[in-house]
PDB file of N, CA and C in Angstrom:
ATOM      1  N   MET A   1       7.896  -7.415 -14.751  1.00  0.00           N
ATOM      2  CA  MET A   1       7.182  -8.598 -14.309  1.00  0.00           C
ATOM      3  C   MET A   1       7.456  -8.780 -12.816  1.00  0.00           C
ATOM      4  N   LYS A   2       6.395  -8.943 -12.080  1.00  0.00           N
ATOM      5  CA  LYS A   2       6.481  -9.181 -10.635  1.00  0.00           C
ATOM      6  C   LYS A   2       6.783 -10.655 -10.395  1.00  0.00           C
ATOM      7  N   THR A   3       7.719 -10.952  -9.486  1.00  0.00           N
ATOM      8  CA  THR A   3       8.059 -12.328  -9.119  1.00  0.00           C
ATOM      9  C   THR A   3       7.630 -12.583  -7.680  1.00  0.00           C
ATOM     10  N   LEU A   4       6.890 -13.671  -7.493  1.00  0.00           N
ATOM     11  CA  LEU A   4       6.475 -14.091  -6.161  1.00  0.00           C
ATOM     12  C   LEU A   4       7.299 -15.301  -5.741  1.00  0.00           C
ATOM     13  N   ILE A   5       7.843 -15.251  -4.554  1.00  0.00           N
ATOM     14  CA  ILE A   5       8.603 -16.373  -3.989  1.00  0.00           C
ATOM     15  C   ILE A   5       7.599 -17.238  -3.222  1.00  0.00           C
ATOM     16  N   ILE A   6       7.292 -18.385  -3.775  1.00  0.00           N
ATOM     17  CA  ILE A   6       6.218 -19.226  -3.233  1.00  0.00           C
ATOM     18  C   ILE A   6       6.521 -19.696  -1.821  1.00  0.00           C
ATOM     19  N   LYS A   7       7.760 -20.058  -1.561  1.00  0.00           N
ATOM     20  CA  LYS A   7       8.127 -20.533  -0.221  1.00  0.00           C
ATOM     21  C   LYS A   7       7.844 -19.462   0.842  1.00  0.00           C
ATOM     22  N   ASP A   8       8.031 -18.198   0.497  1.00  0.00           N
ATOM     23  CA  ASP A   8       7.786 -17.110   1.454  1.00  0.00           C
ATOM     24  C   ASP A   8       6.293 -16.872   1.689  1.00  0.00           C
ATOM     25  N   ILE A   9       5.468 -17.229   0.725  1.00  0.00           N
ATOM     26  CA  ILE A   9       4.029 -16.989   0.826  1.00  0.00           C
ATOM     27  C   ILE A   9       3.302 -18.184   1.430  1.00  0.00           C
ATOM     28  N   VAL A  10       3.611 -19.369   0.913  1.00  0.00           N
ATOM     29  CA  VAL A  10       2.872 -20.576   1.291  1.00  0.00           C
ATOM     30  C   VAL A  10       3.683 -21.473   2.217  1.00  0.00           C
ATOM     31  N   GLY A  11       4.997 -21.470   2.050  1.00  0.00           N
ATOM     32  CA  GLY A  11       5.873 -22.377   2.786  1.00  0.00           C
ATOM     33  C   GLY A  11       6.452 -23.418   1.854  1.00  0.00           C
ATOM     34  N   PRO A  12       7.252 -24.342   2.385  1.00  0.00           N
ATOM     35  CA  PRO A  12       7.940 -25.310   1.531  1.00  0.00           C
ATOM     36  C   PRO A  12       7.068 -26.478   1.068  1.00  0.00           C
ATOM     37  N   TYR A  13       5.868 -26.587   1.586  1.00  0.00           N
ATOM     38  CA  TYR A  13       4.964 -27.677   1.195  1.00  0.00           C
ATOM     39  C   TYR A  13       3.665 -27.082   0.676  1.00  0.00           C
ATOM     40  N   CYS A  14       3.450 -27.213  -0.616  1.00  0.00           N
ATOM     41  CA  CYS A  14       2.271 -26.650  -1.288  1.00  0.00           C
ATOM     42  C   CYS A  14       1.358 -27.799  -1.658  1.00  0.00           C
ATOM     43  N   GLY A  15       0.606 -28.285  -0.690  1.00  0.00           N
ATOM     44  CA  GLY A  15      -0.160 -29.497  -0.901  1.00  0.00           C
ATOM     45  C   GLY A  15      -1.657 -29.350  -0.902  1.00  0.00           C
ATOM     46  N   THR A  16      -2.194 -28.252  -0.376  1.00  0.00           N
ATOM     47  CA  THR A  16      -3.644 -28.182  -0.218  1.00  0.00           C
ATOM     48  C   THR A  16      -4.266 -27.141  -1.146  1.00  0.00           C
ATOM     49  N   TYR A  17      -5.538 -27.341  -1.403  1.00  0.00           N
ATOM     50  CA  TYR A  17      -6.315 -26.387  -2.199  1.00  0.00           C
ATOM     51  C   TYR A  17      -6.318 -25.024  -1.503  1.00  0.00           C
ATOM     52  N   GLU A  18      -6.437 -25.012  -0.194  1.00  0.00           N
ATOM     53  CA  GLU A  18      -6.499 -23.766   0.559  1.00  0.00           C
ATOM     54  C   GLU A  18      -5.205 -22.969   0.412  1.00  0.00           C
ATOM     55  N   GLN A  19      -4.064 -23.649   0.402  1.00  0.00           N
ATOM     56  CA  GLN A  19      -2.793 -22.961   0.176  1.00  0.00           C
ATOM     57  C   GLN A  19      -2.764 -22.351  -1.222  1.00  0.00           C
ATOM     58  N   GLY A  20      -3.268 -23.093  -2.197  1.00  0.00           N
ATOM     59  CA  GLY A  20      -3.336 -22.578  -3.560  1.00  0.00           C
ATOM     60  C   GLY A  20      -4.259 -21.379  -3.667  1.00  0.00           C
ATOM     61  N   ALA A  21      -5.412 -21.439  -2.996  1.00  0.00           N
ATOM     62  CA  ALA A  21      -6.356 -20.321  -3.021  1.00  0.00           C
ATOM     63  C   ALA A  21      -5.736 -19.070  -2.402  1.00  0.00           C
ATOM     64  N   LYS A  22      -4.933 -19.261  -1.358  1.00  0.00           N
ATOM     65  CA  LYS A  22      -4.231 -18.132  -0.740  1.00  0.00           C
ATOM     66  C   LYS A  22      -3.326 -17.464  -1.769  1.00  0.00           C
ATOM     67  N   LEU A  23      -2.596 -18.267  -2.521  1.00  0.00           N
ATOM     68  CA  LEU A  23      -1.710 -17.738  -3.553  1.00  0.00           C
ATOM     69  C   LEU A  23      -2.513 -17.079  -4.671  1.00  0.00           C
ATOM     70  N   SER A  24      -3.602 -17.697  -5.064  1.00  0.00           N
ATOM     71  CA  SER A  24      -4.445 -17.156  -6.131  1.00  0.00           C
ATOM     72  C   SER A  24      -4.942 -15.755  -5.785  1.00  0.00           C
ATOM     73  N   HIS A  25      -5.285 -15.528  -4.530  1.00  0.00           N
ATOM     74  CA  HIS A  25      -5.770 -14.217  -4.090  1.00  0.00           C
ATOM     75  C   HIS A  25      -4.675 -13.153  -4.199  1.00  0.00           C
ATOM     76  N   ILE A  26      -3.426 -13.577  -4.161  1.00  0.00           N
ATOM     77  CA  ILE A  26      -2.308 -12.649  -4.326  1.00  0.00           C
ATOM     78  C   ILE A  26      -2.015 -12.437  -5.814  1.00  0.00           C
ATOM     79  N   ILE A  27      -2.084 -13.502  -6.594  1.00  0.00           N
ATOM     80  CA  ILE A  27      -1.779 -13.423  -8.025  1.00  0.00           C
ATOM     81  C   ILE A  27      -2.810 -12.583  -8.773  1.00  0.00           C
ATOM     82  N   TYR A  28      -4.080 -12.760  -8.460  1.00  0.00           N
ATOM     83  CA  TYR A  28      -5.162 -12.133  -9.222  1.00  0.00           C
ATOM     84  C   TYR A  28      -4.982 -10.623  -9.406  1.00  0.00           C
ATOM     85  N   PRO A  29      -4.813  -9.851  -8.332  1.00  0.00           N
ATOM     86  CA  PRO A  29      -4.667  -8.404  -8.550  1.00  0.00           C
ATOM     87  C   PRO A  29      -3.378  -8.036  -9.298  1.00  0.00           C
ATOM     88  N   LEU A  30      -2.336  -8.841  -9.131  1.00  0.00           N
ATOM     89  CA  LEU A  30      -1.093  -8.566  -9.859  1.00  0.00           C
ATOM     90  C   LEU A  30      -1.294  -8.738 -11.358  1.00  0.00           C
ATOM     91  N   LEU A  31      -2.033  -9.770 -11.746  1.00  0.00           N
ATOM     92  CA  LEU A  31      -2.291  -9.998 -13.164  1.00  0.00           C
ATOM     93  C   LEU A  31      -3.219  -8.936 -13.746  1.00  0.00           C
ATOM     94  N   LYS A  32      -4.032  -8.317 -12.913  1.00  0.00           N
ATOM     95  CA  LYS A  32      -4.892  -7.228 -13.379  1.00  0.00           C
ATOM     96  C   LYS A  32      -4.060  -6.017 -13.811  1.00  0.00           C
ATOM     97  N   SER A  33      -2.888  -5.834 -13.180  1.00  0.00           N
ATOM     98  CA  SER A  33      -2.086  -4.639 -13.442  1.00  0.00           C
ATOM     99  C   SER A  33      -0.764  -4.928 -14.146  1.00  0.00           C
ATOM    100  N   SER A  34      -0.479  -6.175 -14.460  1.00  0.00           N
ATOM    101  CA  SER A  34       0.793  -6.536 -15.082  1.00  0.00           C
ATOM    102  C   SER A  34       0.552  -7.575 -16.170  1.00  0.00           C
ATOM    103  N   PRO A  35       1.325  -7.521 -17.254  1.00  0.00           N
ATOM    104  CA  PRO A  35       1.113  -8.502 -18.323  1.00  0.00           C
ATOM    105  C   PRO A  35       1.495  -9.932 -17.927  1.00  0.00           C
ATOM    106  N   ARG A  36       2.431 -10.078 -17.014  1.00  0.00           N
ATOM    107  CA  ARG A  36       2.876 -11.401 -16.585  1.00  0.00           C
ATOM    108  C   ARG A  36       3.286 -11.352 -15.114  1.00  0.00           C
ATOM    109  N   VAL A  37       3.158 -12.504 -14.459  1.00  0.00           N
ATOM    110  CA  VAL A  37       3.627 -12.690 -13.086  1.00  0.00           C
ATOM    111  C   VAL A  37       4.457 -13.960 -13.067  1.00  0.00           C
ATOM    112  N   ALA A  38       5.596 -13.911 -12.390  1.00  0.00           N
ATOM    113  CA  ALA A  38       6.453 -15.089 -12.251  1.00  0.00           C
ATOM    114  C   ALA A  38       6.257 -15.694 -10.870  1.00  0.00           C
ATOM    115  N   LEU A  39       6.162 -17.025 -10.838  1.00  0.00           N
ATOM    116  CA  LEU A  39       6.079 -17.764  -9.578  1.00  0.00           C
ATOM    117  C   LEU A  39       7.354 -18.566  -9.439  1.00  0.00           C
ATOM    118  N   ASP A  40       8.128 -18.271  -8.407  1.00  0.00           N
ATOM    119  CA  ASP A  40       9.408 -18.937  -8.181  1.00  0.00           C
ATOM    120  C   ASP A  40       9.241 -19.998  -7.095  1.00  0.00           C
ATOM    121  N   PHE A  41       9.451 -21.255  -7.488  1.00  0.00           N
ATOM    122  CA  PHE A  41       9.259 -22.390  -6.587  1.00  0.00           C
ATOM    123  C   PHE A  41      10.565 -22.867  -5.940  1.00  0.00           C
ATOM    124  N   GLN A  42      11.598 -22.043  -5.980  1.00  0.00           N
ATOM    125  CA  GLN A  42      12.862 -22.401  -5.334  1.00  0.00           C
ATOM    126  C   GLN A  42      12.617 -22.678  -3.853  1.00  0.00           C
ATOM    127  N   GLY A  43      13.088 -23.821  -3.376  1.00  0.00           N
ATOM    128  CA  GLY A  43      12.934 -24.170  -1.969  1.00  0.00           C
ATOM    129  C   GLY A  43      11.630 -24.858  -1.614  1.00  0.00           C
ATOM    130  N   VAL A  44      10.750 -25.041  -2.594  1.00  0.00           N
ATOM    131  CA  VAL A  44       9.500 -25.754  -2.351  1.00  0.00           C
ATOM    132  C   VAL A  44       9.762 -27.240  -2.545  1.00  0.00           C
ATOM    133  N   GLY A  45       9.429 -28.032  -1.540  1.00  0.00           N
ATOM    134  CA  GLY A  45       9.726 -29.455  -1.574  1.00  0.00           C
ATOM    135  C   GLY A  45       8.581 -30.328  -2.040  1.00  0.00           C
ATOM    136  N   LEU A  46       7.371 -29.766  -2.124  1.00  0.00           N
ATOM    137  CA  LEU A  46       6.214 -30.577  -2.478  1.00  0.00           C
ATOM    138  C   LEU A  46       5.134 -29.691  -3.069  1.00  0.00           C
ATOM    139  N   THR A  47       4.532 -30.153  -4.164  1.00  0.00           N
ATOM    140  CA  THR A  47       3.319 -29.534  -4.689  1.00  0.00           C
ATOM    141  C   THR A  47       2.320 -30.655  -4.955  1.00  0.00           C
ATOM    142  N   SER A  48       1.074 -30.260  -5.180  1.00  0.00           N
ATOM    143  CA  SER A  48       0.046 -31.257  -5.503  1.00  0.00           C
ATOM    144  C   SER A  48      -0.919 -30.670  -6.522  1.00  0.00           C
ATOM    145  N   SER A  49      -1.702 -31.530  -7.133  1.00  0.00           N
ATOM    146  CA  SER A  49      -2.720 -31.046  -8.061  1.00  0.00           C
ATOM    147  C   SER A  49      -3.756 -30.209  -7.312  1.00  0.00           C
ATOM    148  N   SER A  50      -4.044 -30.539  -6.079  1.00  0.00           N
ATOM    149  CA  SER A  50      -4.979 -29.728  -5.287  1.00  0.00           C
ATOM    150  C   SER A  50      -4.462 -28.301  -5.140  1.00  0.00           C
ATOM    151  N   PHE A  51      -3.190 -28.165  -4.868  1.00  0.00           N
ATOM    152  CA  PHE A  51      -2.581 -26.840  -4.740  1.00  0.00           C
ATOM    153  C   PHE A  51      -2.705 -26.059  -6.048  1.00  0.00           C
ATOM    154  N   PHE A  52      -2.328 -26.686  -7.172  1.00  0.00           N
ATOM    155  CA  PHE A  52      -2.401 -25.996  -8.460  1.00  0.00           C
ATOM    156  C   PHE A  52      -3.842 -25.697  -8.858  1.00  0.00           C
ATOM    157  N   ASN A  53      -4.771 -26.554  -8.492  1.00  0.00           N
ATOM    158  CA  ASN A  53      -6.185 -26.256  -8.745  1.00  0.00           C
ATOM    159  C   ASN A  53      -6.600 -24.982  -8.010  1.00  0.00           C
ATOM    160  N   GLY A  54      -6.214 -24.858  -6.762  1.00  0.00           N
ATOM    161  CA  GLY A  54      -6.569 -23.676  -5.991  1.00  0.00           C
ATOM    162  C   GLY A  54      -5.842 -22.427  -6.440  1.00  0.00           C
ATOM    163  N   ALA A  55      -4.602 -22.583  -6.882  1.00  0.00           N
ATOM    164  CA  ALA A  55      -3.783 -21.422  -7.229  1.00  0.00           C
ATOM    165  C   ALA A  55      -3.977 -20.933  -8.652  1.00  0.00           C
ATOM    166  N   ILE A  56      -4.144 -21.849  -9.608  1.00  0.00           N
ATOM    167  CA  ILE A  56      -4.027 -21.488 -11.014  1.00  0.00           C
ATOM    168  C   ILE A  56      -5.302 -21.685 -11.825  1.00  0.00           C
ATOM    169  N   VAL A  57      -5.999 -22.784 -11.631  1.00  0.00           N
ATOM    170  CA  VAL A  57      -7.087 -23.166 -12.535  1.00  0.00           C
ATOM    171  C   VAL A  57      -8.172 -22.096 -12.611  1.00  0.00           C
ATOM    172  N   ASN A  58      -8.511 -21.482 -11.494  1.00  0.00           N
ATOM    173  CA  ASN A  58      -9.569 -20.458 -11.530  1.00  0.00           C
ATOM    174  C   ASN A  58      -9.126 -19.198 -12.263  1.00  0.00           C
ATOM    175  N   LEU A  59      -7.824 -19.036 -12.507  1.00  0.00           N
ATOM    176  CA  LEU A  59      -7.315 -17.866 -13.220  1.00  0.00           C
ATOM    177  C   LEU A  59      -7.338 -18.050 -14.736  1.00  0.00           C
ATOM    178  N   LEU A  60      -7.490 -19.286 -15.191  1.00  0.00           N
ATOM    179  CA  LEU A  60      -7.411 -19.589 -16.626  1.00  0.00           C
ATOM    180  C   LEU A  60      -8.357 -18.745 -17.484  1.00  0.00           C
ATOM    181  N   PRO A  61      -9.633 -18.617 -17.125  1.00  0.00           N
ATOM    182  CA  PRO A  61     -10.538 -17.870 -18.015  1.00  0.00           C
ATOM    183  C   PRO A  61     -10.162 -16.393 -18.188  1.00  0.00           C
ATOM    184  N   ASP A  62      -9.617 -15.782 -17.153  1.00  0.00           N
ATOM    185  CA  ASP A  62      -9.351 -14.342 -17.193  1.00  0.00           C
ATOM    186  C   ASP A  62      -7.930 -13.971 -17.601  1.00  0.00           C
ATOM    187  N   PHE A  63      -6.994 -14.889 -17.458  1.00  0.00           N
ATOM    188  CA  PHE A  63      -5.596 -14.501 -17.630  1.00  0.00           C
ATOM    189  C   PHE A  63      -4.825 -15.419 -18.576  1.00  0.00           C
ATOM    190  N   THR A  64      -5.395 -15.620 -19.755  1.00  0.00           N
ATOM    191  CA  THR A  64      -4.679 -16.326 -20.810  1.00  0.00           C
ATOM    192  C   THR A  64      -4.510 -15.376 -21.988  1.00  0.00           C
ATOM    193  N   ASP A  65      -3.405 -15.532 -22.706  1.00  0.00           N
ATOM    194  CA  ASP A  65      -3.168 -14.744 -23.916  1.00  0.00           C
ATOM    195  C   ASP A  65      -4.141 -15.175 -24.997  1.00  0.00           C
ATOM    196  N   ASP A  66      -4.143 -14.440 -26.096  1.00  0.00           N
ATOM    197  CA  ASP A  66      -5.003 -14.787 -27.224  1.00  0.00           C
ATOM    198  C   ASP A  66      -4.699 -16.177 -27.775  1.00  0.00           C
ATOM    199  N   ASP A  67      -3.456 -16.619 -27.618  1.00  0.00           N
ATOM    200  CA  ASP A  67      -3.094 -17.953 -28.102  1.00  0.00           C
ATOM    201  C   ASP A  67      -3.320 -19.043 -27.048  1.00  0.00           C
ATOM    202  N   GLY A  68      -3.968 -18.682 -25.945  1.00  0.00           N
ATOM    203  CA  GLY A  68      -4.326 -19.670 -24.932  1.00  0.00           C
ATOM    204  C   GLY A  68      -3.284 -19.920 -23.858  1.00  0.00           C
ATOM    205  N   ARG A  69      -2.174 -19.188 -23.899  1.00  0.00           N
ATOM    206  CA  ARG A  69      -1.137 -19.377 -22.880  1.00  0.00           C
ATOM    207  C   ARG A  69      -1.454 -18.574 -21.624  1.00  0.00           C
ATOM    208  N   LEU A  70      -1.241 -19.204 -20.503  1.00  0.00           N
ATOM    209  CA  LEU A  70      -1.442 -18.550 -19.218  1.00  0.00           C
ATOM    210  C   LEU A  70      -0.382 -17.465 -19.038  1.00  0.00           C
ATOM    211  N   ARG A  71      -0.769 -16.337 -18.471  1.00  0.00           N
ATOM    212  CA  ARG A  71       0.144 -15.206 -18.289  1.00  0.00           C
ATOM    213  C   ARG A  71       0.973 -15.325 -17.016  1.00  0.00           C
ATOM    214  N   ILE A  72       1.234 -16.541 -16.592  1.00  0.00           N
ATOM    215  CA  ILE A  72       2.056 -16.812 -15.415  1.00  0.00           C
ATOM    216  C   ILE A  72       3.283 -17.595 -15.872  1.00  0.00           C
ATOM    217  N   VAL A  73       4.438 -17.170 -15.396  1.00  0.00           N
ATOM    218  CA  VAL A  73       5.698 -17.846 -15.690  1.00  0.00           C
ATOM    219  C   VAL A  73       6.078 -18.645 -14.443  1.00  0.00           C
ATOM    220  N   PHE A  74       6.389 -19.917 -14.633  1.00  0.00           N
ATOM    221  CA  PHE A  74       6.757 -20.795 -13.526  1.00  0.00           C
ATOM    222  C   PHE A  74       8.265 -21.006 -13.532  1.00  0.00           C
ATOM    223  N   CYS A  75       8.909 -20.699 -12.411  1.00  0.00           N
ATOM    224  CA  CYS A  75      10.362 -20.810 -12.298  1.00  0.00           C
ATOM    225  C   CYS A  75      10.727 -21.839 -11.235  1.00  0.00           C
ATOM    226  N   ASN A  76      11.788 -22.573 -11.493  1.00  0.00           N
ATOM    227  CA  ASN A  76      12.370 -23.507 -10.530  1.00  0.00           C
ATOM    228  C   ASN A  76      11.420 -24.607 -10.088  1.00  0.00           C
ATOM    229  N   LEU A  77      10.561 -25.055 -11.000  1.00  0.00           N
ATOM    230  CA  LEU A  77       9.749 -26.243 -10.724  1.00  0.00           C
ATOM    231  C   LEU A  77      10.600 -27.484 -10.953  1.00  0.00           C
ATOM    232  N   THR A  78      10.491 -28.453 -10.077  1.00  0.00           N
ATOM    233  CA  THR A  78      11.161 -29.724 -10.322  1.00  0.00           C
ATOM    234  C   THR A  78      10.439 -30.430 -11.471  1.00  0.00           C
ATOM    235  N   PRO A  79      11.068 -31.397 -12.117  1.00  0.00           N
ATOM    236  CA  PRO A  79      10.364 -32.135 -13.170  1.00  0.00           C
ATOM    237  C   PRO A  79       9.053 -32.753 -12.672  1.00  0.00           C
ATOM    238  N   ARG A  80       9.045 -33.258 -11.455  1.00  0.00           N
ATOM    239  CA  ARG A  80       7.830 -33.835 -10.885  1.00  0.00           C
ATOM    240  C   ARG A  80       6.742 -32.778 -10.735  1.00  0.00           C
ATOM    241  N   ASP A  81       7.112 -31.619 -10.184  1.00  0.00           N
ATOM    242  CA  ASP A  81       6.135 -30.550  -9.978  1.00  0.00           C
ATOM    243  C   ASP A  81       5.622 -29.996 -11.309  1.00  0.00           C
ATOM    244  N   ASN A  82       6.506 -29.910 -12.304  1.00  0.00           N
ATOM    245  CA  ASN A  82       6.081 -29.459 -13.623  1.00  0.00           C
ATOM    246  C   ASN A  82       5.092 -30.459 -14.231  1.00  0.00           C
ATOM    247  N   PHE A  83       5.337 -31.744 -14.043  1.00  0.00           N
ATOM    248  CA  PHE A  83       4.407 -32.765 -14.530  1.00  0.00           C
ATOM    249  C   PHE A  83       3.032 -32.595 -13.878  1.00  0.00           C
ATOM    250  N   ILE A  84       3.018 -32.383 -12.576  1.00  0.00           N
ATOM    251  CA  ILE A  84       1.750 -32.200 -11.852  1.00  0.00           C
ATOM    252  C   ILE A  84       1.036 -30.955 -12.369  1.00  0.00           C
ATOM    253  N   LEU A  85       1.763 -29.865 -12.550  1.00  0.00           N
ATOM    254  CA  LEU A  85       1.168 -28.633 -13.062  1.00  0.00           C
ATOM    255  C   LEU A  85       0.569 -28.857 -14.451  1.00  0.00           C
ATOM    256  N   GLN A  86       1.348 -29.450 -15.355  1.00  0.00           N
ATOM    257  CA  GLN A  86       0.863 -29.664 -16.726  1.00  0.00           C
ATOM    258  C   GLN A  86      -0.348 -30.584 -16.749  1.00  0.00           C
ATOM    259  N   HIS A  87      -0.321 -31.617 -15.934  1.00  0.00           N
ATOM    260  CA  HIS A  87      -1.461 -32.538 -15.859  1.00  0.00           C
ATOM    261  C   HIS A  87      -2.707 -31.807 -15.331  1.00  0.00           C
ATOM    262  N   THR A  88      -2.531 -30.989 -14.317  1.00  0.00           N
ATOM    263  CA  THR A  88      -3.645 -30.239 -13.740  1.00  0.00           C
ATOM    264  C   THR A  88      -4.255 -29.296 -14.774  1.00  0.00           C
ATOM    265  N   LEU A  89      -3.411 -28.605 -15.540  1.00  0.00           N
ATOM    266  CA  LEU A  89      -3.906 -27.687 -16.572  1.00  0.00           C
ATOM    267  C   LEU A  89      -4.617 -28.442 -17.686  1.00  0.00           C
ATOM    268  N   LYS A  90      -4.074 -29.591 -18.061  1.00  0.00           N
ATOM    269  CA  LYS A  90      -4.688 -30.408 -19.117  1.00  0.00           C
ATOM    270  C   LYS A  90      -6.075 -30.899 -18.689  1.00  0.00           C
ATOM    271  N   VAL A  91      -6.187 -31.364 -17.473  1.00  0.00           N
ATOM    272  CA  VAL A  91      -7.477 -31.839 -16.960  1.00  0.00           C
ATOM    273  C   VAL A  91      -8.482 -30.679 -16.928  1.00  0.00           C
ATOM    274  N   ALA A  92      -8.034 -29.500 -16.510  1.00  0.00           N
ATOM    275  CA  ALA A  92      -8.931 -28.334 -16.444  1.00  0.00           C
ATOM    276  C   ALA A  92      -9.438 -27.966 -17.834  1.00  0.00           C
ATOM    277  N   LYS A  93      -8.581 -28.006 -18.840  1.00  0.00           N
ATOM    278  CA  LYS A  93      -9.001 -27.662 -20.202  1.00  0.00           C
ATOM    279  C   LYS A  93     -10.001 -28.678 -20.736  1.00  0.00           C
ATOM    280  N   HIS A  94      -9.752 -29.967 -20.473  1.00  0.00           N
ATOM    281  CA  HIS A  94     -10.689 -31.003 -20.914  1.00  0.00           C
ATOM    282  C   HIS A  94     -12.033 -30.868 -20.199  1.00  0.00           C
ATOM    283  N   ARG A  95     -11.989 -30.538 -18.924  1.00  0.00           N
ATOM    284  CA  ARG A  95     -13.222 -30.351 -18.152  1.00  0.00           C
ATOM    285  C   ARG A  95     -14.026 -29.179 -18.710  1.00  0.00           C
ATOM    286  N   ASP A  96     -13.352 -28.089 -18.994  1.00  0.00           N
ATOM    287  CA  ASP A  96     -14.037 -26.911 -19.543  1.00  0.00           C
ATOM    288  C   ASP A  96     -14.653 -27.226 -20.901  1.00  0.00           C
ATOM    289  N   ALA A  97     -13.939 -27.987 -21.715  1.00  0.00           N
ATOM    290  CA  ALA A  97     -14.473 -28.359 -23.032  1.00  0.00           C
ATOM    291  C   ALA A  97     -15.691 -29.247 -22.887  1.00  0.00           C
ATOM    292  N   ALA A  98     -15.657 -30.169 -21.940  1.00  0.00           N
ATOM    293  CA  ALA A  98     -16.797 -31.078 -21.714  1.00  0.00           C
ATOM    294  C   ALA A  98     -18.014 -30.299 -21.202  1.00  0.00           C
ATOM    295  N   ILE A  99     -17.793 -29.365 -20.324  1.00  0.00           N
ATOM    296  CA  ILE A  99     -18.883 -28.548 -19.794  1.00  0.00           C
ATOM    297  C   ILE A  99     -19.506 -27.699 -20.912  1.00  0.00           C
ATOM    298  N   ALA A 100     -18.658 -27.165 -21.782  1.00  0.00           N
ATOM    299  CA  ALA A 100     -19.155 -26.321 -22.882  1.00  0.00           C
ATOM    300  C   ALA A 100     -20.072 -27.089 -23.818  1.00  0.00           C
ATOM    301  N   GLN A 101     -19.879 -28.388 -23.944  1.00  0.00           N
ATOM    302  CA  GLN A 101     -20.724 -29.195 -24.810  1.00  0.00           C
ATOM    303  C   GLN A 101     -22.184 -29.222 -24.341  1.00  0.00           C
ATOM    304  N   PHE A 102     -22.389 -29.059 -23.063  1.00  0.00           N
ATOM    305  CA  PHE A 102     -23.734 -29.172 -22.491  1.00  0.00           C
ATOM    306  C   PHE A 102     -24.416 -27.829 -22.300  1.00  0.00           C
ATOM    307  N   ARG A 103     -23.811 -26.772 -22.758  1.00  0.00           N
ATOM    308  CA  ARG A 103     -24.426 -25.429 -22.622  1.00  0.00           C
ATOM    309  C   ARG A 103     -25.248 -25.118 -23.816  1.00  0.00           C
TER     310      ARG A 103
END
């Protein structure tokens, strides 16, 4: 499993969608060739839902296991950052379900 050090890629403040998209562009090819990728948030002082939207949400359709789990392992998230991540993923799943109703 490949581990990415987020602070080295994005910096200690992960607040914008653009920062997340930068990370997503790095994660995507790794997930194509590896069953799992670890994201290590050691030293990151701030995350936001915008960041997680840019980094993770667009990967959901292509990189989830058969049981619906994302193939990304999150390491060293603070409780606050984990809450933001979980909330962002929950909103994305509800949005996808709502969109599917209208297809």
